[in-house]
PDB file of all heavy atoms in Angstrom:
ATOM      1  N   LYS A   1     143.871  50.205  89.610  1.00  0.00           N
ATOM      2  CA  LYS A   1     144.171  50.899  90.863  1.00  0.00           C
ATOM      3  C   LYS A   1     144.739  52.273  90.515  1.00  0.00           C
ATOM      4  O   LYS A   1     145.747  52.370  89.805  1.00  0.00           O
ATOM      5  CB  LYS A   1     145.185  50.092  91.677  1.00  0.00           C
ATOM      6  CG  LYS A   1     145.552  50.709  93.027  1.00  0.00           C
ATOM      7  CD  LYS A   1     146.555  49.809  93.752  1.00  0.00           C
ATOM      8  CE  LYS A   1     146.926  50.380  95.113  1.00  0.00           C
ATOM      9  NZ  LYS A   1     147.925  49.517  95.820  1.00  0.00           N
ATOM     10  N   ILE A   2     144.129  53.338  90.988  1.00  0.00           N
ATOM     11  CA  ILE A   2     144.552  54.704  90.680  1.00  0.00           C
ATOM     12  C   ILE A   2     145.388  55.259  91.829  1.00  0.00           C
ATOM     13  O   ILE A   2     144.950  55.261  92.984  1.00  0.00           O
ATOM     14  CB  ILE A   2     143.355  55.626  90.410  1.00  0.00           C
ATOM     15  CG1 ILE A   2     142.465  55.039  89.321  1.00  0.00           C
ATOM     16  CG2 ILE A   2     143.830  57.024  90.030  1.00  0.00           C
ATOM     17  CD1 ILE A   2     143.129  54.880  87.978  1.00  0.00           C
ATOM     18  N   LEU A   3     146.586  55.730  91.489  1.00  0.00           N
ATOM     19  CA  LEU A   3     147.497  56.311  92.466  1.00  0.00           C
ATOM     20  C   LEU A   3     147.872  57.720  92.011  1.00  0.00           C
ATOM     21  O   LEU A   3     147.563  58.114  90.888  1.00  0.00           O
ATOM     22  CB  LEU A   3     148.749  55.449  92.597  1.00  0.00           C
ATOM     23  CG  LEU A   3     148.526  53.983  92.998  1.00  0.00           C
ATOM     24  CD1 LEU A   3     149.826  53.199  92.864  1.00  0.00           C
ATOM     25  CD2 LEU A   3     148.007  53.901  94.425  1.00  0.00           C
ATOM     26  N   SER A   4     148.576  58.454  92.896  1.00  0.00           N
ATOM     27  CA  SER A   4     148.961  59.812  92.522  1.00  0.00           C
ATOM     28  C   SER A   4     150.324  60.171  93.085  1.00  0.00           C
ATOM     29  O   SER A   4     150.803  59.579  94.051  1.00  0.00           O
ATOM     30  CB  SER A   4     147.920  60.828  93.006  1.00  0.00           C
ATOM     31  OG  SER A   4     147.924  60.905  94.419  1.00  0.00           O
ATOM     32  N   GLY A   5     150.935  61.195  92.450  1.00  0.00           N
ATOM     33  CA  GLY A   5     152.155  61.792  92.959  1.00  0.00           C
ATOM     34  C   GLY A   5     153.360  60.876  92.929  1.00  0.00           C
ATOM     35  O   GLY A   5     153.354  59.795  92.330  1.00  0.00           O
ATOM     36  N   MET A   6     154.408  61.311  93.623  1.00  0.00           N
ATOM     37  CA  MET A   6     155.642  60.530  93.670  1.00  0.00           C
ATOM     38  C   MET A   6     155.434  59.185  94.342  1.00  0.00           C
ATOM     39  O   MET A   6     155.991  58.166  93.912  1.00  0.00           O
ATOM     40  CB  MET A   6     156.731  61.329  94.405  1.00  0.00           C
ATOM     41  CG  MET A   6     158.068  60.595  94.516  1.00  0.00           C
ATOM     42  SD  MET A   6     158.739  60.017  92.930  1.00  0.00           S
ATOM     43  CE  MET A   6     159.090  61.567  92.125  1.00  0.00           C
ATOM     44  N   ASP A   7     154.619  59.133  95.389  1.00  0.00           N
ATOM     45  CA  ASP A   7     154.365  57.852  96.046  1.00  0.00           C
ATOM     46  C   ASP A   7     153.753  56.849  95.067  1.00  0.00           C
ATOM     47  O   ASP A   7     154.105  55.665  95.068  1.00  0.00           O
ATOM     48  CB  ASP A   7     153.429  58.040  97.243  1.00  0.00           C
ATOM     49  CG  ASP A   7     154.109  58.729  98.412  1.00  0.00           C
ATOM     50  OD1 ASP A   7     155.358  58.789  98.425  1.00  0.00           O
ATOM     51  OD2 ASP A   7     153.394  59.221  99.311  1.00  0.00           O
ATOM     52  N   GLY A   8     152.856  57.335  94.243  1.00  0.00           N
ATOM     53  CA  GLY A   8     152.243  56.470  93.247  1.00  0.00           C
ATOM     54  C   GLY A   8     153.236  55.989  92.223  1.00  0.00           C
ATOM     55  O   GLY A   8     153.236  54.803  91.828  1.00  0.00           O
ATOM     56  N   MET A   9     154.112  56.880  91.754  1.00  0.00           N
ATOM     57  CA  MET A   9     155.124  56.488  90.768  1.00  0.00           C
ATOM     58  C   MET A   9     156.092  55.471  91.352  1.00  0.00           C
ATOM     59  O   MET A   9     156.500  54.514  90.680  1.00  0.00           O
ATOM     60  CB  MET A   9     155.868  57.717  90.260  1.00  0.00           C
ATOM     61  CG  MET A   9     155.062  58.545  89.281  1.00  0.00           C
ATOM     62  SD  MET A   9     156.019  59.862  88.516  1.00  0.00           S
ATOM     63  CE  MET A   9     155.895  61.116  89.770  1.00  0.00           C
ATOM     64  N   LEU A  10     156.454  55.676  92.604  1.00  0.00           N
ATOM     65  CA  LEU A  10     157.365  54.722  93.256  1.00  0.00           C
ATOM     66  C   LEU A  10     156.708  53.351  93.403  1.00  0.00           C
ATOM     67  O   LEU A  10     157.352  52.312  93.186  1.00  0.00           O
ATOM     68  CB  LEU A  10     157.787  55.258  94.623  1.00  0.00           C
ATOM     69  CG  LEU A  10     158.721  56.462  94.601  1.00  0.00           C
ATOM     70  CD1 LEU A  10     158.898  57.039  96.006  1.00  0.00           C
ATOM     71  CD2 LEU A  10     160.080  56.083  94.017  1.00  0.00           C
ATOM     72  N   GLU A  11     155.426  53.338  93.758  1.00  0.00           N
ATOM     73  CA  GLU A  11     154.723  52.061  93.885  1.00  0.00           C
ATOM     74  C   GLU A  11     154.651  51.344  92.545  1.00  0.00           C
ATOM     75  O   GLU A  11     154.848  50.126  92.457  1.00  0.00           O
ATOM     76  CB  GLU A  11     153.319  52.281  94.454  1.00  0.00           C
ATOM     77  CG  GLU A  11     152.561  50.974  94.696  1.00  0.00           C
ATOM     78  CD  GLU A  11     151.258  51.171  95.436  1.00  0.00           C
ATOM     79  OE1 GLU A  11     151.122  52.172  96.185  1.00  0.00           O
ATOM     80  OE2 GLU A  11     150.355  50.314  95.277  1.00  0.00           O
ATOM     81  N   MET A  12     154.380  52.102  91.479  1.00  0.00           N
ATOM     82  CA  MET A  12     154.320  51.481  90.164  1.00  0.00           C
ATOM     83  C   MET A  12     155.688  50.978  89.727  1.00  0.00           C
ATOM     84  O   MET A  12     155.824  49.910  89.111  1.00  0.00           O
ATOM     85  CB  MET A  12     153.784  52.464  89.122  1.00  0.00           C
ATOM     86  CG  MET A  12     153.454  51.812  87.787  1.00  0.00           C
ATOM     87  SD  MET A  12     153.161  52.996  86.448  1.00  0.00           S
ATOM     88  CE  MET A  12     154.851  53.398  85.991  1.00  0.00           C
ATOM     89  N   ALA A  13     156.740  51.730  90.053  1.00  0.00           N
ATOM     90  CA  ALA A  13     158.088  51.370  89.622  1.00  0.00           C
ATOM     91  C   ALA A  13     158.545  50.034  90.177  1.00  0.00           C
ATOM     92  O   ALA A  13     159.330  49.317  89.540  1.00  0.00           O
ATOM     93  CB  ALA A  13     159.069  52.464  90.018  1.00  0.00           C
ATOM     94  N   VAL A  14     158.045  49.674  91.356  1.00  0.00           N
ATOM     95  CA  VAL A  14     158.511  48.436  92.000  1.00  0.00           C
ATOM     96  C   VAL A  14     157.458  47.333  91.972  1.00  0.00           C
ATOM     97  O   VAL A  14     157.666  46.274  92.581  1.00  0.00           O
ATOM     98  CB  VAL A  14     158.949  48.712  93.456  1.00  0.00           C
ATOM     99  CG1 VAL A  14     160.053  49.755  93.493  1.00  0.00           C
ATOM    100  CG2 VAL A  14     157.769  49.150  94.323  1.00  0.00           C
ATOM    101  N   MET A  15     156.339  47.544  91.291  1.00  0.00           N
ATOM    102  CA  MET A  15     155.278  46.531  91.306  1.00  0.00           C
ATOM    103  C   MET A  15     155.819  45.181  90.835  1.00  0.00           C
ATOM    104  O   MET A  15     156.538  45.107  89.830  1.00  0.00           O
ATOM    105  CB  MET A  15     154.081  46.983  90.480  1.00  0.00           C
ATOM    106  CG  MET A  15     154.350  47.254  89.019  1.00  0.00           C
ATOM    107  SD  MET A  15     152.933  48.030  88.165  1.00  0.00           S
ATOM    108  CE  MET A  15     151.683  46.753  88.337  1.00  0.00           C
ATOM    109  N   PRO A  16     155.524  44.121  91.555  1.00  0.00           N
ATOM    110  CA  PRO A  16     156.135  42.820  91.257  1.00  0.00           C
ATOM    111  C   PRO A  16     155.758  42.266  89.886  1.00  0.00           C
ATOM    112  O   PRO A  16     156.485  41.441  89.339  1.00  0.00           O
ATOM    113  CB  PRO A  16     155.627  41.918  92.394  1.00  0.00           C
ATOM    114  CG  PRO A  16     154.422  42.605  92.942  1.00  0.00           C
ATOM    115  CD  PRO A  16     154.659  44.069  92.749  1.00  0.00           C
ATOM    116  N   GLN A  17     154.654  42.716  89.323  1.00  0.00           N
ATOM    117  CA  GLN A  17     154.204  42.160  88.043  1.00  0.00           C
ATOM    118  C   GLN A  17     155.025  42.660  86.857  1.00  0.00           C
ATOM    119  O   GLN A  17     154.983  42.082  85.774  1.00  0.00           O
ATOM    120  CB  GLN A  17     152.728  42.497  87.810  1.00  0.00           C
ATOM    121  CG  GLN A  17     151.780  41.885  88.821  1.00  0.00           C
ATOM    122  CD  GLN A  17     151.559  42.790  90.028  1.00  0.00           C
ATOM    123  OE1 GLN A  17     152.311  43.742  90.257  1.00  0.00           O
ATOM    124  NE2 GLN A  17     150.523  42.500  90.808  1.00  0.00           N
ATOM    125  N   SER A  18     155.770  43.764  87.011  1.00  0.00           N
ATOM    126  CA  SER A  18     156.490  44.326  85.857  1.00  0.00           C
ATOM    127  C   SER A  18     157.917  43.803  85.785  1.00  0.00           C
ATOM    128  O   SER A  18     158.559  43.528  86.803  1.00  0.00           O
ATOM    129  CB  SER A  18     156.505  45.849  85.924  1.00  0.00           C
ATOM    130  OG  SER A  18     157.392  46.302  86.916  1.00  0.00           O
ATOM    131  N   GLU A  19     158.404  43.686  84.562  1.00  0.00           N
ATOM    132  CA  GLU A  19     159.793  43.285  84.320  1.00  0.00           C
ATOM    133  C   GLU A  19     160.631  44.453  83.827  1.00  0.00           C
ATOM    134  O   GLU A  19     161.832  44.526  84.103  1.00  0.00           O
ATOM    135  CB  GLU A  19     159.851  42.180  83.262  1.00  0.00           C
ATOM    136  CG  GLU A  19     159.061  40.936  83.604  1.00  0.00           C
ATOM    137  CD  GLU A  19     158.840  40.064  82.387  1.00  0.00           C
ATOM    138  OE1 GLU A  19     159.845  39.599  81.819  1.00  0.00           O
ATOM    139  OE2 GLU A  19     157.677  39.869  81.998  1.00  0.00           O
ATOM    140  N   VAL A  20     160.010  45.360  83.071  1.00  0.00           N
ATOM    141  CA  VAL A  20     160.715  46.483  82.452  1.00  0.00           C
ATOM    142  C   VAL A  20     160.008  47.780  82.819  1.00  0.00           C
ATOM    143  O   VAL A  20     158.786  47.874  82.714  1.00  0.00           O
ATOM    144  CB  VAL A  20     160.739  46.342  80.912  1.00  0.00           C
ATOM    145  CG1 VAL A  20     161.483  47.523  80.283  1.00  0.00           C
ATOM    146  CG2 VAL A  20     161.371  45.026  80.489  1.00  0.00           C
ATOM    147  N   LEU A  21     160.797  48.782  83.244  1.00  0.00           N
ATOM    148  CA  LEU A  21     160.266  50.113  83.466  1.00  0.00           C
ATOM    149  C   LEU A  21     160.756  51.017  82.337  1.00  0.00           C
ATOM    150  O   LEU A  21     161.963  51.218  82.172  1.00  0.00           O
ATOM    151  CB  LEU A  21     160.720  50.678  84.810  1.00  0.00           C
ATOM    152  CG  LEU A  21     160.214  52.097  85.124  1.00  0.00           C
ATOM    153  CD1 LEU A  21     158.692  52.094  85.325  1.00  0.00           C
ATOM    154  CD2 LEU A  21     160.920  52.686  86.340  1.00  0.00           C
ATOM    155  N   VAL A  22     159.816  51.535  81.560  1.00  0.00           N
ATOM    156  CA  VAL A  22     160.144  52.503  80.518  1.00  0.00           C
ATOM    157  C   VAL A  22     160.074  53.887  81.149  1.00  0.00           C
ATOM    158  O   VAL A  22     158.996  54.322  81.578  1.00  0.00           O
ATOM    159  CB  VAL A  22     159.161  52.412  79.326  1.00  0.00           C
ATOM    160  CG1 VAL A  22     159.534  53.428  78.255  1.00  0.00           C
ATOM    161  CG2 VAL A  22     159.141  50.994  78.753  1.00  0.00           C
ATOM    162  N   THR A  23     161.205  54.571  81.241  1.00  0.00           N
ATOM    163  CA  THR A  23     161.231  55.882  81.885  1.00  0.00           C
ATOM    164  C   THR A  23     161.172  56.950  80.794  1.00  0.00           C
ATOM    165  O   THR A  23     162.191  57.445  80.329  1.00  0.00           O
ATOM    166  CB  THR A  23     162.481  56.064  82.755  1.00  0.00           C
ATOM    167  OG1 THR A  23     163.642  55.981  81.935  1.00  0.00           O
ATOM    168  CG2 THR A  23     162.548  55.000  83.829  1.00  0.00           C
ATOM    169  N   ALA A  24     159.958  57.311  80.414  1.00  0.00           N
ATOM    170  CA  ALA A  24     159.737  58.279  79.337  1.00  0.00           C
ATOM    171  C   ALA A  24     159.243  59.609  79.863  1.00  0.00           C
ATOM    172  O   ALA A  24     158.852  60.475  79.088  1.00  0.00           O
ATOM    173  CB  ALA A  24     158.727  57.716  78.334  1.00  0.00           C
ATOM    174  N   ILE A  25     159.274  59.790  81.162  1.00  0.00           N
ATOM    175  CA  ILE A  25     158.812  61.029  81.773  1.00  0.00           C
ATOM    176  C   ILE A  25     159.898  62.097  81.627  1.00  0.00           C
ATOM    177  O   ILE A  25     161.090  61.782  81.593  1.00  0.00           O
ATOM    178  CB  ILE A  25     158.472  60.785  83.265  1.00  0.00           C
ATOM    179  CG1 ILE A  25     157.543  61.863  83.793  1.00  0.00           C
ATOM    180  CG2 ILE A  25     159.710  60.621  84.108  1.00  0.00           C
ATOM    181  CD1 ILE A  25     156.878  61.478  85.097  1.00  0.00           C
ATOM    182  N   VAL A  26     159.509  63.358  81.504  1.00  0.00           N
ATOM    183  CA  VAL A  26     160.464  64.448  81.319  1.00  0.00           C
ATOM    184  C   VAL A  26     160.862  65.025  82.665  1.00  0.00           C
ATOM    185  O   VAL A  26     160.015  65.255  83.529  1.00  0.00           O
ATOM    186  CB  VAL A  26     159.862  65.557  80.427  1.00  0.00           C
ATOM    187  CG1 VAL A  26     160.805  66.757  80.351  1.00  0.00           C
ATOM    188  CG2 VAL A  26     159.582  65.024  79.032  1.00  0.00           C
ATOM    189  N   GLY A  27     162.165  65.239  82.862  1.00  0.00           N
ATOM    190  CA  GLY A  27     162.632  65.943  84.038  1.00  0.00           C
ATOM    191  C   GLY A  27     163.219  65.046  85.117  1.00  0.00           C
ATOM    192  O   GLY A  27     163.199  63.812  85.022  1.00  0.00           O
ATOM    193  N   MET A  28     163.710  65.672  86.167  1.00  0.00           N
ATOM    194  CA  MET A  28     164.371  64.962  87.259  1.00  0.00           C
ATOM    195  C   MET A  28     163.399  64.197  88.132  1.00  0.00           C
ATOM    196  O   MET A  28     163.803  63.452  89.019  1.00  0.00           O
ATOM    197  CB  MET A  28     165.193  65.945  88.097  1.00  0.00           C
ATOM    198  CG  MET A  28     166.503  66.310  87.431  1.00  0.00           C
ATOM    199  SD  MET A  28     167.459  67.541  88.341  1.00  0.00           S
ATOM    200  CE  MET A  28     166.967  69.034  87.494  1.00  0.00           C
ATOM    201  N   ILE A  29     162.119  64.353  87.861  1.00  0.00           N
ATOM    202  CA  ILE A  29     161.109  63.573  88.579  1.00  0.00           C
ATOM    203  C   ILE A  29     161.297  62.078  88.336  1.00  0.00           C
ATOM    204  O   ILE A  29     160.833  61.243  89.102  1.00  0.00           O
ATOM    205  CB  ILE A  29     159.691  64.027  88.162  1.00  0.00           C
ATOM    206  CG1 ILE A  29     158.645  63.505  89.149  1.00  0.00           C
ATOM    207  CG2 ILE A  29     159.377  63.581  86.739  1.00  0.00           C
ATOM    208  CD1 ILE A  29     157.264  64.086  88.906  1.00  0.00           C
ATOM    209  N   GLY A  30     162.040  61.731  87.281  1.00  0.00           N
ATOM    210  CA  GLY A  30     162.264  60.320  86.974  1.00  0.00           C
ATOM    211  C   GLY A  30     163.344  59.656  87.805  1.00  0.00           C
ATOM    212  O   GLY A  30     163.482  58.421  87.772  1.00  0.00           O
ATOM    213  N   ILE A  31     164.114  60.425  88.578  1.00  0.00           N
ATOM    214  CA  ILE A  31     165.251  59.839  89.295  1.00  0.00           C
ATOM    215  C   ILE A  31     164.811  58.822  90.343  1.00  0.00           C
ATOM    216  O   ILE A  31     165.286  57.669  90.364  1.00  0.00           O
ATOM    217  CB  ILE A  31     166.096  60.945  89.970  1.00  0.00           C
ATOM    218  CG1 ILE A  31     166.722  61.855  88.921  1.00  0.00           C
ATOM    219  CG2 ILE A  31     167.189  60.313  90.842  1.00  0.00           C
ATOM    220  CD1 ILE A  31     167.446  63.057  89.506  1.00  0.00           C
ATOM    221  N   ARG A  32     163.916  59.219  91.237  1.00  0.00           N
ATOM    222  CA  ARG A  32     163.531  58.330  92.342  1.00  0.00           C
ATOM    223  C   ARG A  32     162.872  57.036  91.852  1.00  0.00           C
ATOM    224  O   ARG A  32     163.230  55.943  92.328  1.00  0.00           O
ATOM    225  CB  ARG A  32     162.610  59.077  93.316  1.00  0.00           C
ATOM    226  CG  ARG A  32     163.311  60.161  94.127  1.00  0.00           C
ATOM    227  CD  ARG A  32     162.353  60.749  95.162  1.00  0.00           C
ATOM    228  NE  ARG A  32     162.892  61.888  95.856  1.00  0.00           N
ATOM    229  CZ  ARG A  32     163.687  61.838  96.922  1.00  0.00           C
ATOM    230  NH1 ARG A  32     164.046  60.655  97.401  1.00  0.00           N
ATOM    231  NH2 ARG A  32     164.117  62.943  97.500  1.00  0.00           N
ATOM    232  N   PRO A  33     161.915  57.090  90.927  1.00  0.00           N
ATOM    233  CA  PRO A  33     161.341  55.831  90.437  1.00  0.00           C
ATOM    234  C   PRO A  33     162.370  54.935  89.764  1.00  0.00           C
ATOM    235  O   PRO A  33     162.303  53.704  89.901  1.00  0.00           O
ATOM    236  CB  PRO A  33     160.271  56.296  89.441  1.00  0.00           C
ATOM    237  CG  PRO A  33     159.931  57.690  89.852  1.00  0.00           C
ATOM    238  CD  PRO A  33     161.195  58.266  90.376  1.00  0.00           C
ATOM    239  N   THR A  34     163.328  55.526  89.061  1.00  0.00           N
ATOM    240  CA  THR A  34     164.361  54.720  88.404  1.00  0.00           C
ATOM    241  C   THR A  34     165.222  54.015  89.440  1.00  0.00           C
ATOM    242  O   THR A  34     165.519  52.814  89.313  1.00  0.00           O
ATOM    243  CB  THR A  34     165.231  55.604  87.496  1.00  0.00           C
ATOM    244  OG1 THR A  34     164.401  56.237  86.518  1.00  0.00           O
ATOM    245  CG2 THR A  34     166.284  54.772  86.784  1.00  0.00           C
ATOM    246  N   ILE A  35     165.621  54.728  90.480  1.00  0.00           N
ATOM    247  CA  ILE A  35     166.416  54.122  91.550  1.00  0.00           C
ATOM    248  C   ILE A  35     165.635  52.993  92.218  1.00  0.00           C
ATOM    249  O   ILE A  35     166.169  51.900  92.461  1.00  0.00           O
ATOM    250  CB  ILE A  35     166.828  55.191  92.578  1.00  0.00           C
ATOM    251  CG1 ILE A  35     167.887  56.125  91.976  1.00  0.00           C
ATOM    252  CG2 ILE A  35     167.340  54.544  93.864  1.00  0.00           C
ATOM    253  CD1 ILE A  35     168.250  57.303  92.852  1.00  0.00           C
ATOM    254  N   ALA A  36     164.364  53.258  92.493  1.00  0.00           N
ATOM    255  CA  ALA A  36     163.535  52.233  93.146  1.00  0.00           C
ATOM    256  C   ALA A  36     163.420  50.991  92.271  1.00  0.00           C
ATOM    257  O   ALA A  36     163.513  49.850  92.770  1.00  0.00           O
ATOM    258  CB  ALA A  36     162.148  52.803  93.447  1.00  0.00           C
ATOM    259  N   ALA A  37     163.227  51.180  90.972  1.00  0.00           N
ATOM    260  CA  ALA A  37     163.088  50.045  90.059  1.00  0.00           C
ATOM    261  C   ALA A  37     164.383  49.248  89.959  1.00  0.00           C
ATOM    262  O   ALA A  37     164.366  48.010  89.903  1.00  0.00           O
ATOM    263  CB  ALA A  37     162.659  50.537  88.676  1.00  0.00           C
ATOM    264  N   ILE A  38     165.519  49.947  89.939  1.00  0.00           N
ATOM    265  CA  ILE A  38     166.811  49.251  89.880  1.00  0.00           C
ATOM    266  C   ILE A  38     167.013  48.384  91.115  1.00  0.00           C
ATOM    267  O   ILE A  38     167.478  47.246  91.034  1.00  0.00           O
ATOM    268  CB  ILE A  38     167.961  50.269  89.727  1.00  0.00           C
ATOM    269  CG1 ILE A  38     167.922  50.916  88.337  1.00  0.00           C
ATOM    270  CG2 ILE A  38     169.313  49.608  89.968  1.00  0.00           C
ATOM    271  CD1 ILE A  38     168.881  52.077  88.164  1.00  0.00           C
ATOM    272  N   LYS A  39     166.653  48.922  92.268  1.00  0.00           N
ATOM    273  CA  LYS A  39     166.807  48.151  93.510  1.00  0.00           C
ATOM    274  C   LYS A  39     165.946  46.892  93.499  1.00  0.00           C
ATOM    275  O   LYS A  39     166.270  45.899  94.173  1.00  0.00           O
ATOM    276  CB  LYS A  39     166.466  49.023  94.718  1.00  0.00           C
ATOM    277  CG  LYS A  39     167.509  50.090  95.002  1.00  0.00           C
ATOM    278  CD  LYS A  39     167.131  50.942  96.205  1.00  0.00           C
ATOM    279  CE  LYS A  39     168.207  51.978  96.519  1.00  0.00           C
ATOM    280  NZ  LYS A  39     167.834  52.838  97.675  1.00  0.00           N
ATOM    281  N   GLU A  40     164.842  46.923  92.729  1.00  0.00           N
ATOM    282  CA  GLU A  40     163.987  45.742  92.593  1.00  0.00           C
ATOM    283  C   GLU A  40     164.356  44.922  91.360  1.00  0.00           C
ATOM    284  O   GLU A  40     163.617  44.026  90.965  1.00  0.00           O
ATOM    285  CB  GLU A  40     162.524  46.176  92.519  1.00  0.00           C
ATOM    286  CG  GLU A  40     161.982  46.747  93.812  1.00  0.00           C
ATOM    287  CD  GLU A  40     162.021  45.743  94.958  1.00  0.00           C
ATOM    288  OE1 GLU A  40     161.609  44.580  94.731  1.00  0.00           O
ATOM    289  OE2 GLU A  40     162.479  46.124  96.061  1.00  0.00           O
ATOM    290  N   LYS A  41     165.516  45.280  90.763  1.00  0.00           N
ATOM    291  CA  LYS A  41     166.095  44.515  89.644  1.00  0.00           C
ATOM    292  C   LYS A  41     165.220  44.520  88.387  1.00  0.00           C
ATOM    293  O   LYS A  41     165.159  43.528  87.648  1.00  0.00           O
ATOM    294  CB  LYS A  41     166.446  43.094  90.082  1.00  0.00           C
ATOM    295  CG  LYS A  41     167.370  43.058  91.303  1.00  0.00           C
ATOM    296  CD  LYS A  41     167.908  41.688  91.586  1.00  0.00           C
ATOM    297  CE  LYS A  41     168.734  41.672  92.876  1.00  0.00           C
ATOM    298  NZ  LYS A  41     169.793  42.670  92.943  1.00  0.00           N
ATOM    299  N   LYS A  42     164.538  45.640  88.158  1.00  0.00           N
ATOM    300  CA  LYS A  42     163.783  45.809  86.910  1.00  0.00           C
ATOM    301  C   LYS A  42     164.733  46.283  85.809  1.00  0.00           C
ATOM    302  O   LYS A  42     165.602  47.121  86.056  1.00  0.00           O
ATOM    303  CB  LYS A  42     162.675  46.858  87.066  1.00  0.00           C
ATOM    304  CG  LYS A  42     161.801  46.710  88.298  1.00  0.00           C
ATOM    305  CD  LYS A  42     160.907  45.504  88.219  1.00  0.00           C
ATOM    306  CE  LYS A  42     159.938  45.509  89.403  1.00  0.00           C
ATOM    307  NZ  LYS A  42     159.120  44.267  89.457  1.00  0.00           N
TER     308      LYS A  42
END
């Protein structure tokens, strides 16, 4: 499934199939996906 932009990153960050989110992206663009993943207990 191909996604784009911040909406796509947020969807990937909370996908139920993942247990660990590796945040290797550069810059403050990583803040929102990290917050979303934490809320889903990744």
